[in-house]
Amino acid sequence: MPFTIGPAGDTAIRLSFQEPPSPHLTQQLLELQLTAQAYFLDALSDSVVGYATLTLFFMPLSLQRDQVTAWLENTARSICDSQPVDAEHNKAAVVLPVFYDPAVAPDLLTVADDLGMTIDALITLHSATPYFAYATGFAPGFCYLGTLDPRLKTQRLSTPRLRVPAGAVAIADQQTAVYPCESPGGWRIIGACPVVLFDLTATPVSTLTVGDSVRFEAIDEQTYCSLGGKL
């Protein structure tokens, strides 16, 4: 499996696999991340798994670039050559309740019309698929989930909203996500989730992490409100 290793700023180094994202590739990146954390210990200030990348951030003056590059190359090759473990199916899915309704989803009707389907059909397609958490980013706790049913593929808004409420369930291109906090956003909002996805006082602080399997479960208005959802 080909990859490259290069700098990512003064105190970071990035390994990039030259292949399309996949759950198997993500599992290899997670294994490499855990191995790096155990090997470098306090020299690491952070590590981030992307769709096809692992970035290691080092404490100031701790990065010995040549040694780290050699270690990364040898360890990555060893992990790639080892027997794959299908960890995706060994982990229980995170089930998130979603209220699919125009009262909380300003794009639901438009997306259904644009895709030539009923709202019920859109809900069925979106909630029937288990999604894989490929990466986090954009905002704390924001997790990129894939892959959407091709029949749900839709473009982002041409002009992003300045304020998207926390809990908004949205789709864009081949991905879906739940906004963990109020923020700007250009994805199409098709529902609302009453579950708090990011809380600095909780352990862990984020409900979703890279490598998770996620399912959406349609709920009615009464259940949504009883779980803390706001109309």
Protein backbone atom coordinates (compact mmCIF):
# COMPACT_ATOMS: atom_id res chain seq x y z
CA MET A 1 0.00 0.00 0.00
CA PRO A 2 1.79 3.18 -1.16
CA PHE A 3 2.13 6.16 1.15
CA THR A 4 4.15 9.33 1.56
CA ILE A 5 5.57 11.00 4.67
CA GLY A 6 6.23 14.70 4.90
CA PRO A 7 6.22 17.78 7.13
CA ALA A 8 3.00 19.37 8.38
CA GLY A 9 4.44 22.51 9.90
CA ASP A 10 7.41 22.99 12.20
CA THR A 11 6.35 20.47 14.86
CA ALA A 12 4.24 17.95 12.95
CA ILE A 13 4.67 15.17 10.42
CA ARG A 14 2.03 13.56 8.21
CA LEU A 15 1.69 10.12 6.66
CA SER A 16 -0.62 10.02 3.63
CA PHE A 17 -1.86 6.84 1.99
CA GLN A 18 -2.26 7.02 -1.77
CA GLU A 19 -5.61 5.26 -2.02
CA PRO A 20 -9.31 6.10 -1.66
CA PRO A 21 -10.77 6.27 1.86
CA SER A 22 -12.27 3.05 3.22
CA PRO A 23 -13.15 1.58 6.62
CA HIS A 24 -10.21 -0.83 6.29
CA LEU A 25 -7.78 2.04 5.66
CA THR A 26 -9.20 3.97 8.63
CA GLN A 27 -8.69 0.95 10.89
CA GLN A 28 -5.05 0.78 9.82
CA LEU A 29 -4.62 4.48 10.54
CA LEU A 30 -6.18 4.04 13.99
CA GLU A 31 -3.84 1.15 14.74
CA LEU A 32 -0.88 3.25 13.64
CA GLN A 33 -2.10 6.14 15.78
CA LEU A 34 -2.32 3.95 18.90
CA THR A 35 1.14 2.52 18.21
CA ALA A 36 2.58 6.03 17.82
CA GLN A 37 0.96 7.21 21.06
CA ALA A 38 2.43 4.26 22.95
CA TYR A 39 5.88 4.75 21.39
CA PHE A 40 6.32 8.52 21.58
CA LEU A 41 4.39 9.05 24.84
CA ASP A 42 4.68 12.63 26.15
CA ALA A 43 6.64 13.80 23.13
CA LEU A 44 3.34 13.82 21.24
CA SER A 45 1.00 16.75 21.86
CA ASP A 46 -1.74 15.41 19.56
CA SER A 47 -2.46 12.99 16.72
CA VAL A 48 -5.22 13.25 14.13
CA VAL A 49 -6.60 10.59 11.76
CA GLY A 50 -8.01 11.92 8.49
CA TYR A 51 -9.64 10.15 5.57
CA ALA A 52 -6.31 8.76 4.38
CA THR A 53 -3.81 10.47 6.66
CA LEU A 54 -2.28 10.39 10.12
CA THR A 55 -0.75 13.61 11.43
CA LEU A 56 1.49 13.49 14.50
CA PHE A 57 1.97 16.73 16.44
CA PHE A 58 5.02 16.92 18.69
CA MET A 59 5.85 19.09 21.66
CA PRO A 60 8.24 21.95 20.85
CA LEU A 61 11.83 20.73 20.30
CA SER A 62 10.69 17.09 20.53
CA LEU A 63 10.41 16.30 16.82
CA GLN A 64 13.49 14.54 15.43
CA ARG A 65 12.22 14.44 11.88
CA ASP A 66 14.57 11.83 10.38
CA GLN A 67 14.05 9.35 13.22
CA VAL A 68 10.27 9.84 13.24
CA THR A 69 10.09 9.45 9.47
CA ALA A 70 12.01 6.17 9.61
CA TRP A 71 9.86 4.89 12.47
CA LEU A 72 6.64 5.84 10.67
CA GLU A 73 7.74 4.18 7.45
CA ASN A 74 8.71 0.90 9.14
CA THR A 75 5.65 0.80 11.39
CA ALA A 76 3.22 1.66 8.60
CA ARG A 77 4.64 -1.08 6.37
CA SER A 78 4.41 -3.59 9.23
CA ILE A 79 0.77 -2.72 9.92
CA CYS A 80 -0.13 -2.82 6.23
CA ASP A 81 1.49 -6.26 5.86
CA SER A 82 -0.23 -7.72 8.94
CA GLN A 83 -3.43 -9.75 8.84
CA PRO A 84 -6.36 -7.30 8.66
CA VAL A 85 -8.78 -7.17 11.57
CA ASP A 86 -12.35 -6.19 10.71
CA ALA A 87 -12.83 -4.02 13.78
CA GLU A 88 -15.76 -2.23 12.13
CA HIS A 89 -18.01 -5.19 12.84
CA ASN A 90 -16.69 -5.86 16.34
CA LYS A 91 -17.93 -2.52 17.63
CA ALA A 92 -21.56 -1.86 18.55
CA ALA A 93 -23.21 0.80 16.42
CA VAL A 94 -24.01 4.19 17.93
CA VAL A 95 -27.74 4.75 17.39
CA LEU A 96 -28.81 8.40 17.10
CA PRO A 97 -32.51 9.36 17.21
CA VAL A 98 -33.61 11.81 14.51
CA PHE A 99 -36.79 13.82 14.08
CA TYR A 100 -37.25 14.23 10.34
CA ASP A 101 -39.71 17.09 9.91
CA PRO A 102 -39.82 20.48 8.15
CA ALA A 103 -40.34 22.11 11.57
CA VAL A 104 -36.67 21.39 12.38
CA ALA A 105 -35.32 20.62 8.91
CA PRO A 106 -35.54 23.58 6.52
CA ASP A 107 -34.13 21.63 3.56
CA LEU A 108 -36.17 18.43 3.91
CA LEU A 109 -38.92 19.31 1.43
CA THR A 110 -36.53 20.88 -1.07
CA VAL A 111 -34.11 17.96 -1.03
CA ALA A 112 -36.93 15.44 -1.45
CA ASP A 113 -38.31 17.42 -4.40
CA ASP A 114 -34.87 17.84 -5.97
CA LEU A 115 -34.22 14.11 -5.69
CA GLY A 116 -37.66 13.20 -7.02
CA MET A 117 -38.83 11.26 -3.99
CA THR A 118 -41.25 11.56 -1.10
CA ILE A 119 -40.15 12.66 2.36
CA ASP A 120 -40.94 9.18 3.66
CA ALA A 121 -38.70 7.62 1.01
CA LEU A 122 -35.88 10.02 1.89
CA ILE A 123 -36.22 9.18 5.59
CA THR A 124 -36.21 5.45 4.86
CA LEU A 125 -33.07 5.69 2.74
CA HIS A 126 -31.20 7.89 5.21
CA SER A 127 -32.06 5.83 8.30
CA ALA A 128 -31.63 2.40 6.69
CA THR A 129 -27.88 2.71 6.09
CA PRO A 130 -25.18 2.14 8.71
CA TYR A 131 -22.54 4.85 8.37
CA PHE A 132 -18.83 4.73 9.09
CA ALA A 133 -17.11 7.60 10.93
CA TYR A 134 -14.19 8.49 8.67
CA ALA A 135 -12.90 11.68 10.25
CA THR A 136 -13.59 14.52 12.64
CA GLY A 137 -13.06 18.20 12.01
CA PHE A 138 -14.67 21.52 11.12
CA ALA A 139 -16.00 21.91 14.69
CA PRO A 140 -15.39 20.01 17.96
CA GLY A 141 -17.31 16.75 17.82
CA PHE A 142 -18.25 17.10 14.13
CA CYS A 143 -17.89 13.65 12.55
CA TYR A 144 -17.92 12.95 8.81
CA LEU A 145 -20.07 9.87 8.16
CA GLY A 146 -20.25 7.88 4.95
CA THR A 147 -21.27 6.69 2.62
CA LEU A 148 -24.69 7.98 1.61
CA ASP A 149 -26.96 5.94 -0.61
CA PRO A 150 -26.24 7.28 -4.13
CA ARG A 151 -29.91 8.24 -4.44
CA LEU A 152 -29.41 10.80 -1.65
CA LYS A 153 -26.40 12.53 -3.16
CA THR A 154 -26.97 16.29 -3.12
CA GLN A 155 -24.92 19.45 -3.38
CA ARG A 156 -24.12 21.85 -0.57
CA LEU A 157 -25.98 25.13 -0.35
CA SER A 158 -24.54 27.75 -2.70
CA THR A 159 -24.54 30.20 0.24
CA PRO A 160 -23.87 28.61 3.65
CA ARG A 161 -26.12 29.51 6.57
CA LEU A 162 -24.58 31.73 9.20
CA ARG A 163 -26.22 29.74 11.99
CA VAL A 164 -26.98 26.02 11.98
CA PRO A 165 -28.42 24.79 15.29
CA ALA A 166 -26.79 22.10 17.38
CA GLY A 167 -28.25 18.70 16.54
CA ALA A 168 -29.00 19.49 12.89
CA VAL A 169 -28.74 16.32 10.80
CA ALA A 170 -27.49 17.14 7.33
CA ILE A 171 -26.28 15.66 4.07
CA ALA A 172 -23.87 16.88 1.38
CA ASP A 173 -22.30 15.07 -1.55
CA GLN A 174 -21.80 11.48 -0.30
CA GLN A 175 -21.64 12.31 3.39
CA THR A 176 -23.94 12.90 6.34
CA ALA A 177 -23.28 14.44 9.75
CA VAL A 178 -24.82 15.91 12.89
CA TYR A 179 -23.78 19.44 13.84
CA PRO A 180 -22.61 19.12 17.47
CA CYS A 181 -22.90 22.83 18.23
CA GLU A 182 -24.33 25.96 16.66
CA SER A 183 -22.12 27.06 13.80
CA PRO A 184 -22.16 28.23 10.19
CA GLY A 185 -22.77 25.46 7.69
CA GLY A 186 -23.67 24.72 4.11
CA TRP A 187 -24.96 21.16 4.31
CA ARG A 188 -28.63 20.37 3.63
CA ILE A 189 -30.53 19.97 6.89
CA ILE A 190 -32.99 17.05 6.79
CA GLY A 191 -33.59 16.37 10.48
CA ALA A 192 -32.67 17.09 14.09
CA CYS A 193 -31.02 14.90 16.73
CA PRO A 194 -31.73 15.67 20.43
CA VAL A 195 -28.57 13.90 21.66
CA VAL A 196 -25.72 16.13 22.88
CA LEU A 197 -22.71 15.10 20.80
CA PHE A 198 -20.03 17.26 22.39
CA ASP A 199 -19.76 18.16 26.08
CA LEU A 200 -16.53 19.25 27.75
CA THR A 201 -17.85 18.11 31.13
CA ALA A 202 -18.57 14.56 29.92
CA THR A 203 -16.27 11.54 29.56
CA PRO A 204 -15.64 11.11 26.72
CA VAL A 205 -16.32 14.66 25.58
CA SER A 206 -17.43 13.52 22.11
CA THR A 207 -20.17 10.96 21.44
CA LEU A 208 -18.72 10.00 18.06
CA THR A 209 -15.13 9.11 17.24
CA VAL A 210 -13.30 7.97 14.11
CA GLY A 211 -13.98 4.30 13.43
CA ASP A 212 -17.49 4.28 14.91
CA SER A 213 -20.45 2.72 13.16
CA VAL A 214 -23.48 5.01 13.31
CA ARG A 215 -27.15 4.42 12.62
CA PHE A 216 -30.00 6.94 12.58
CA GLU A 217 -33.39 6.02 14.01
CA ALA A 218 -36.48 8.01 13.03
CA ILE A 219 -38.53 9.30 15.98
CA ASP A 220 -41.75 11.31 16.29
CA GLU A 221 -42.17 14.82 17.66
CA GLN A 222 -43.23 13.68 21.13
CA THR A 223 -40.15 11.47 21.52
CA TYR A 224 -37.92 14.21 20.16
CA CYS A 225 -39.18 16.73 22.70
CA SER A 226 -39.03 14.23 25.55
CA LEU A 227 -35.33 13.70 24.77
CA GLY A 228 -34.65 17.41 25.03
CA GLY A 229 -35.13 18.44 21.41
CA LYS A 230 -36.30 21.97 20.67
CA LEU A 231 -38.72 23.00 17.93
